[in-house]
Amino acid sequence: MVDVELDDLKREFLDEARVKVEEMQAALESASSESFDRVTYLAHQLKGSGGSYGYERISTDAAAIEKALETRSGTSNGNALDAQIQQHVINLRAEIDRCSKELLLH
């Protein structure tokens, strides 16, 4: 595959990842079990696809979100984990933005 084509695919992935993170942030604000399930699903998608495109940090951040949400369902200490999940989402968004800027310079 030509580098230009790969860069186009990466741009598309990063655009979709940004939309997923925005959806995660909105879902976390409602704090329902359905919204946590949705965030877990989106994090799982980003975990797999991030690594496929060579974005290990995106994959790692998404895995951390997924793990924290799984831990949250089995604990009574939801507030501390909610703050941790929010921070992971912020980190994920920052990494997506960083990768997008780096790709523009490429």
N, C-alpha and C. Protein backbone atom coordinates (compact mmCIF):
# COMPACT_ATOMS: atom_id res chain seq x y z
N MET A 1 0.84 -1.17 0.00
CA MET A 1 0.00 0.00 0.00
C MET A 1 0.89 1.24 0.00
N VAL A 2 0.53 2.20 -0.76
CA VAL A 2 1.28 3.45 -0.84
C VAL A 2 1.08 4.24 0.45
N ASP A 3 2.14 4.93 0.87
CA ASP A 3 2.07 5.71 2.11
C ASP A 3 0.90 6.68 2.14
N VAL A 4 0.59 7.29 0.99
CA VAL A 4 -0.51 8.25 0.93
C VAL A 4 -1.83 7.56 1.27
N GLU A 5 -2.01 6.35 0.76
CA GLU A 5 -3.23 5.61 1.05
C GLU A 5 -3.31 5.24 2.53
N LEU A 6 -2.18 4.82 3.09
CA LEU A 6 -2.15 4.49 4.52
C LEU A 6 -2.43 5.73 5.37
N ASP A 7 -1.84 6.84 4.99
CA ASP A 7 -2.10 8.09 5.71
C ASP A 7 -3.58 8.46 5.65
N ASP A 8 -4.21 8.25 4.50
CA ASP A 8 -5.64 8.54 4.38
C ASP A 8 -6.45 7.65 5.31
N LEU A 9 -6.08 6.37 5.39
CA LEU A 9 -6.77 5.44 6.29
C LEU A 9 -6.56 5.84 7.75
N LYS A 10 -5.36 6.27 8.07
CA LYS A 10 -5.07 6.72 9.44
C LYS A 10 -5.88 7.96 9.78
N ARG A 11 -5.99 8.90 8.83
CA ARG A 11 -6.79 10.10 9.07
C ARG A 11 -8.24 9.74 9.34
N GLU A 12 -8.76 8.82 8.52
CA GLU A 12 -10.14 8.38 8.69
C GLU A 12 -10.33 7.72 10.06
N PHE A 13 -9.39 6.87 10.44
CA PHE A 13 -9.46 6.23 11.76
C PHE A 13 -9.46 7.27 12.87
N LEU A 14 -8.55 8.24 12.79
CA LEU A 14 -8.44 9.25 13.84
C LEU A 14 -9.70 10.11 13.92
N ASP A 15 -10.29 10.42 12.76
CA ASP A 15 -11.56 11.16 12.76
C ASP A 15 -12.66 10.35 13.44
N GLU A 16 -12.74 9.08 13.12
CA GLU A 16 -13.74 8.21 13.74
C GLU A 16 -13.45 8.03 15.23
N ALA A 17 -12.19 7.94 15.59
CA ALA A 17 -11.81 7.80 17.00
C ALA A 17 -12.23 9.04 17.78
N ARG A 18 -12.06 10.20 17.18
CA ARG A 18 -12.45 11.45 17.86
C ARG A 18 -13.96 11.46 18.13
N VAL A 19 -14.74 11.01 17.15
CA VAL A 19 -16.20 10.93 17.32
C VAL A 19 -16.55 9.95 18.44
N LYS A 20 -15.86 8.82 18.49
CA LYS A 20 -16.11 7.83 19.54
C LYS A 20 -15.78 8.40 20.92
N VAL A 21 -14.71 9.15 21.02
CA VAL A 21 -14.35 9.75 22.31
C VAL A 21 -15.39 10.79 22.72
N GLU A 22 -15.89 11.56 21.77
CA GLU A 22 -16.95 12.52 22.09
C GLU A 22 -18.19 11.79 22.60
N GLU A 23 -18.51 10.65 21.95
CA GLU A 23 -19.65 9.86 22.41
C GLU A 23 -19.38 9.30 23.81
N MET A 24 -18.15 8.88 24.07
CA MET A 24 -17.80 8.39 25.40
C MET A 24 -18.03 9.47 26.45
N GLN A 25 -17.55 10.67 26.15
CA GLN A 25 -17.69 11.76 27.12
C GLN A 25 -19.16 12.05 27.40
N ALA A 26 -19.98 12.07 26.36
CA ALA A 26 -21.40 12.32 26.55
C ALA A 26 -22.06 11.19 27.34
N ALA A 27 -21.69 9.95 27.05
CA ALA A 27 -22.26 8.81 27.75
C ALA A 27 -21.88 8.81 29.22
N LEU A 28 -20.65 9.18 29.52
CA LEU A 28 -20.20 9.21 30.92
C LEU A 28 -20.94 10.26 31.73
N GLU A 29 -21.39 11.31 31.07
CA GLU A 29 -22.13 12.34 31.79
C GLU A 29 -23.48 11.84 32.29
N SER A 30 -24.08 10.89 31.56
CA SER A 30 -25.38 10.37 31.99
C SER A 30 -25.24 9.33 33.11
N ALA A 31 -24.09 8.70 33.22
CA ALA A 31 -23.74 7.78 34.31
C ALA A 31 -24.78 6.69 34.56
N SER A 32 -25.32 6.13 33.50
CA SER A 32 -26.24 5.00 33.65
C SER A 32 -25.51 3.71 33.27
N SER A 33 -26.08 2.58 33.65
CA SER A 33 -25.42 1.31 33.31
C SER A 33 -25.35 1.12 31.80
N GLU A 34 -26.36 1.60 31.07
CA GLU A 34 -26.34 1.50 29.62
C GLU A 34 -25.23 2.36 29.02
N SER A 35 -25.04 3.54 29.60
CA SER A 35 -23.99 4.42 29.07
C SER A 35 -22.61 3.83 29.35
N PHE A 36 -22.43 3.21 30.51
CA PHE A 36 -21.16 2.57 30.81
C PHE A 36 -20.91 1.39 29.88
N ASP A 37 -21.97 0.67 29.55
CA ASP A 37 -21.84 -0.43 28.58
C ASP A 37 -21.40 0.11 27.22
N ARG A 38 -21.97 1.24 26.82
CA ARG A 38 -21.62 1.85 25.53
C ARG A 38 -20.17 2.30 25.53
N VAL A 39 -19.73 2.91 26.60
CA VAL A 39 -18.33 3.36 26.69
C VAL A 39 -17.39 2.16 26.65
N THR A 40 -17.75 1.09 27.32
CA THR A 40 -16.94 -0.13 27.29
C THR A 40 -16.83 -0.65 25.86
N TYR A 41 -17.94 -0.66 25.14
CA TYR A 41 -17.95 -1.12 23.75
C TYR A 41 -17.06 -0.24 22.87
N LEU A 42 -17.19 1.07 23.01
CA LEU A 42 -16.38 1.99 22.20
C LEU A 42 -14.90 1.86 22.54
N ALA A 43 -14.60 1.73 23.82
CA ALA A 43 -13.20 1.57 24.24
C ALA A 43 -12.63 0.27 23.66
N HIS A 44 -13.42 -0.78 23.67
CA HIS A 44 -12.97 -2.05 23.11
C HIS A 44 -12.66 -1.91 21.62
N GLN A 45 -13.51 -1.21 20.90
CA GLN A 45 -13.27 -0.98 19.47
C GLN A 45 -11.96 -0.21 19.25
N LEU A 46 -11.76 0.84 20.01
CA LEU A 46 -10.54 1.65 19.86
C LEU A 46 -9.30 0.88 20.28
N LYS A 47 -9.45 0.04 21.26
CA LYS A 47 -8.32 -0.77 21.72
C LYS A 47 -7.80 -1.64 20.57
N GLY A 48 -8.71 -2.28 19.88
CA GLY A 48 -8.31 -3.16 18.78
C GLY A 48 -7.83 -2.42 17.55
N SER A 49 -8.59 -1.43 17.14
CA SER A 49 -8.24 -0.73 15.89
C SER A 49 -7.04 0.20 16.07
N GLY A 50 -6.86 0.76 17.25
CA GLY A 50 -5.70 1.63 17.48
C GLY A 50 -4.40 0.89 17.23
N GLY A 51 -4.29 -0.30 17.76
CA GLY A 51 -3.10 -1.10 17.55
C GLY A 51 -2.91 -1.50 16.10
N SER A 52 -4.01 -1.74 15.41
CA SER A 52 -3.94 -2.13 13.99
C SER A 52 -3.33 -1.03 13.12
N TYR A 53 -3.55 0.21 13.51
CA TYR A 53 -3.00 1.34 12.76
C TYR A 53 -1.65 1.81 13.29
N GLY A 54 -1.14 1.11 14.29
CA GLY A 54 0.16 1.47 14.84
C GLY A 54 0.09 2.51 15.94
N TYR A 55 -1.10 2.78 16.45
CA TYR A 55 -1.28 3.76 17.51
C TYR A 55 -1.40 3.03 18.85
N GLU A 56 -0.27 2.59 19.35
CA GLU A 56 -0.25 1.79 20.58
C GLU A 56 -0.78 2.55 21.79
N ARG A 57 -0.48 3.83 21.86
CA ARG A 57 -0.95 4.62 23.01
C ARG A 57 -2.47 4.73 23.01
N ILE A 58 -3.07 4.89 21.83
CA ILE A 58 -4.53 4.92 21.74
C ILE A 58 -5.09 3.58 22.23
N SER A 59 -4.47 2.51 21.78
CA SER A 59 -4.89 1.17 22.18
C SER A 59 -4.74 0.98 23.69
N THR A 60 -3.64 1.43 24.24
CA THR A 60 -3.39 1.30 25.68
C THR A 60 -4.37 2.13 26.50
N ASP A 61 -4.61 3.37 26.07
CA ASP A 61 -5.55 4.23 26.79
C ASP A 61 -6.96 3.64 26.74
N ALA A 62 -7.36 3.13 25.57
CA ALA A 62 -8.69 2.53 25.44
C ALA A 62 -8.80 1.28 26.30
N ALA A 63 -7.74 0.49 26.37
CA ALA A 63 -7.74 -0.71 27.21
C ALA A 63 -7.88 -0.32 28.68
N ALA A 64 -7.25 0.78 29.08
CA ALA A 64 -7.35 1.24 30.47
C ALA A 64 -8.79 1.66 30.79
N ILE A 65 -9.45 2.29 29.84
CA ILE A 65 -10.86 2.68 30.04
C ILE A 65 -11.71 1.42 30.20
N GLU A 66 -11.51 0.47 29.31
CA GLU A 66 -12.28 -0.77 29.35
C GLU A 66 -12.08 -1.49 30.68
N LYS A 67 -10.83 -1.58 31.12
CA LYS A 67 -10.52 -2.27 32.38
C LYS A 67 -11.14 -1.53 33.58
N ALA A 68 -11.02 -0.22 33.59
CA ALA A 68 -11.58 0.56 34.70
C ALA A 68 -13.10 0.40 34.77
N LEU A 69 -13.75 0.35 33.61
CA LEU A 69 -15.21 0.17 33.61
C LEU A 69 -15.60 -1.23 34.08
N GLU A 70 -14.80 -2.21 33.71
CA GLU A 70 -15.07 -3.57 34.19
C GLU A 70 -14.87 -3.65 35.70
N THR A 71 -13.85 -2.99 36.21
CA THR A 71 -13.58 -2.95 37.65
C THR A 71 -14.70 -2.21 38.37
N ARG A 72 -15.18 -1.14 37.74
CA ARG A 72 -16.22 -0.32 38.34
C ARG A 72 -17.47 -1.13 38.64
N SER A 73 -17.83 -2.03 37.74
CA SER A 73 -19.06 -2.80 37.93
C SER A 73 -18.97 -3.75 39.12
N GLY A 74 -17.77 -4.04 39.57
CA GLY A 74 -17.62 -4.97 40.68
C GLY A 74 -17.21 -4.32 41.98
N THR A 75 -17.34 -3.01 42.08
CA THR A 75 -16.89 -2.32 43.29
C THR A 75 -17.91 -1.27 43.73
N SER A 76 -17.80 -0.89 44.97
CA SER A 76 -18.67 0.18 45.48
C SER A 76 -17.97 1.53 45.44
N ASN A 77 -16.72 1.55 45.01
CA ASN A 77 -15.93 2.78 44.97
C ASN A 77 -16.03 3.43 43.59
N GLY A 78 -17.25 3.69 43.16
CA GLY A 78 -17.48 4.21 41.82
C GLY A 78 -16.94 5.60 41.59
N ASN A 79 -16.99 6.48 42.57
CA ASN A 79 -16.57 7.87 42.35
C ASN A 79 -15.09 7.98 41.99
N ALA A 80 -14.24 7.25 42.70
CA ALA A 80 -12.81 7.30 42.40
C ALA A 80 -12.54 6.72 41.02
N LEU A 81 -13.23 5.64 40.68
CA LEU A 81 -13.04 5.06 39.36
C LEU A 81 -13.61 5.95 38.27
N ASP A 82 -14.72 6.64 38.55
CA ASP A 82 -15.28 7.56 37.56
C ASP A 82 -14.28 8.65 37.21
N ALA A 83 -13.60 9.18 38.21
CA ALA A 83 -12.58 10.20 37.96
C ALA A 83 -11.43 9.62 37.14
N GLN A 84 -11.07 8.39 37.45
CA GLN A 84 -10.00 7.72 36.71
C GLN A 84 -10.42 7.49 35.25
N ILE A 85 -11.65 7.06 35.05
CA ILE A 85 -12.17 6.83 33.69
C ILE A 85 -12.18 8.14 32.91
N GLN A 86 -12.67 9.20 33.54
CA GLN A 86 -12.69 10.52 32.88
C GLN A 86 -11.28 10.93 32.47
N GLN A 87 -10.30 10.70 33.34
CA GLN A 87 -8.92 11.06 33.01
C GLN A 87 -8.40 10.24 31.84
N HIS A 88 -8.73 8.97 31.81
CA HIS A 88 -8.32 8.12 30.68
C HIS A 88 -8.94 8.63 29.37
N VAL A 89 -10.19 9.07 29.43
CA VAL A 89 -10.85 9.59 28.22
C VAL A 89 -10.17 10.89 27.78
N ILE A 90 -9.82 11.73 28.72
CA ILE A 90 -9.08 12.97 28.39
C ILE A 90 -7.74 12.63 27.76
N ASN A 91 -7.04 11.66 28.34
CA ASN A 91 -5.75 11.24 27.78
C ASN A 91 -5.92 10.68 26.38
N LEU A 92 -6.97 9.91 26.18
CA LEU A 92 -7.23 9.32 24.86
C LEU A 92 -7.48 10.41 23.84
N ARG A 93 -8.29 11.39 24.19
CA ARG A 93 -8.57 12.49 23.27
C ARG A 93 -7.29 13.26 22.94
N ALA A 94 -6.47 13.51 23.94
CA ALA A 94 -5.21 14.23 23.71
C ALA A 94 -4.30 13.44 22.78
N GLU A 95 -4.25 12.13 22.95
CA GLU A 95 -3.41 11.30 22.09
C GLU A 95 -3.93 11.29 20.66
N ILE A 96 -5.24 11.25 20.49
CA ILE A 96 -5.82 11.31 19.14
C ILE A 96 -5.47 12.64 18.49
N ASP A 97 -5.59 13.71 19.23
CA ASP A 97 -5.24 15.03 18.69
C ASP A 97 -3.76 15.10 18.33
N ARG A 98 -2.90 14.54 19.19
CA ARG A 98 -1.46 14.54 18.91
C ARG A 98 -1.15 13.75 17.65
N CYS A 99 -1.76 12.59 17.52
CA CYS A 99 -1.53 11.76 16.33
C CYS A 99 -2.03 12.44 15.06
N SER A 100 -3.15 13.13 15.17
CA SER A 100 -3.70 13.85 14.01
C SER A 100 -2.75 14.96 13.56
N LYS A 101 -2.22 15.71 14.51
CA LYS A 101 -1.29 16.78 14.18
C LYS A 101 -0.01 16.21 13.56
N GLU A 102 0.46 15.12 14.14
CA GLU A 102 1.68 14.47 13.62
C GLU A 102 1.45 13.99 12.19
N LEU A 103 0.28 13.46 11.91
CA LEU A 103 -0.04 12.96 10.58
C LEU A 103 -0.11 14.10 9.57
N LEU A 104 -0.56 15.27 10.01
CA LEU A 104 -0.60 16.44 9.11
C LEU A 104 0.80 16.86 8.68
N LEU A 105 1.75 16.68 9.57
CA LEU A 105 3.13 17.06 9.26
C LEU A 105 3.83 16.02 8.40
N HIS A 106 3.26 14.85 8.32
CA HIS A 106 3.85 13.72 7.59
C HIS A 106 3.76 13.86 6.11
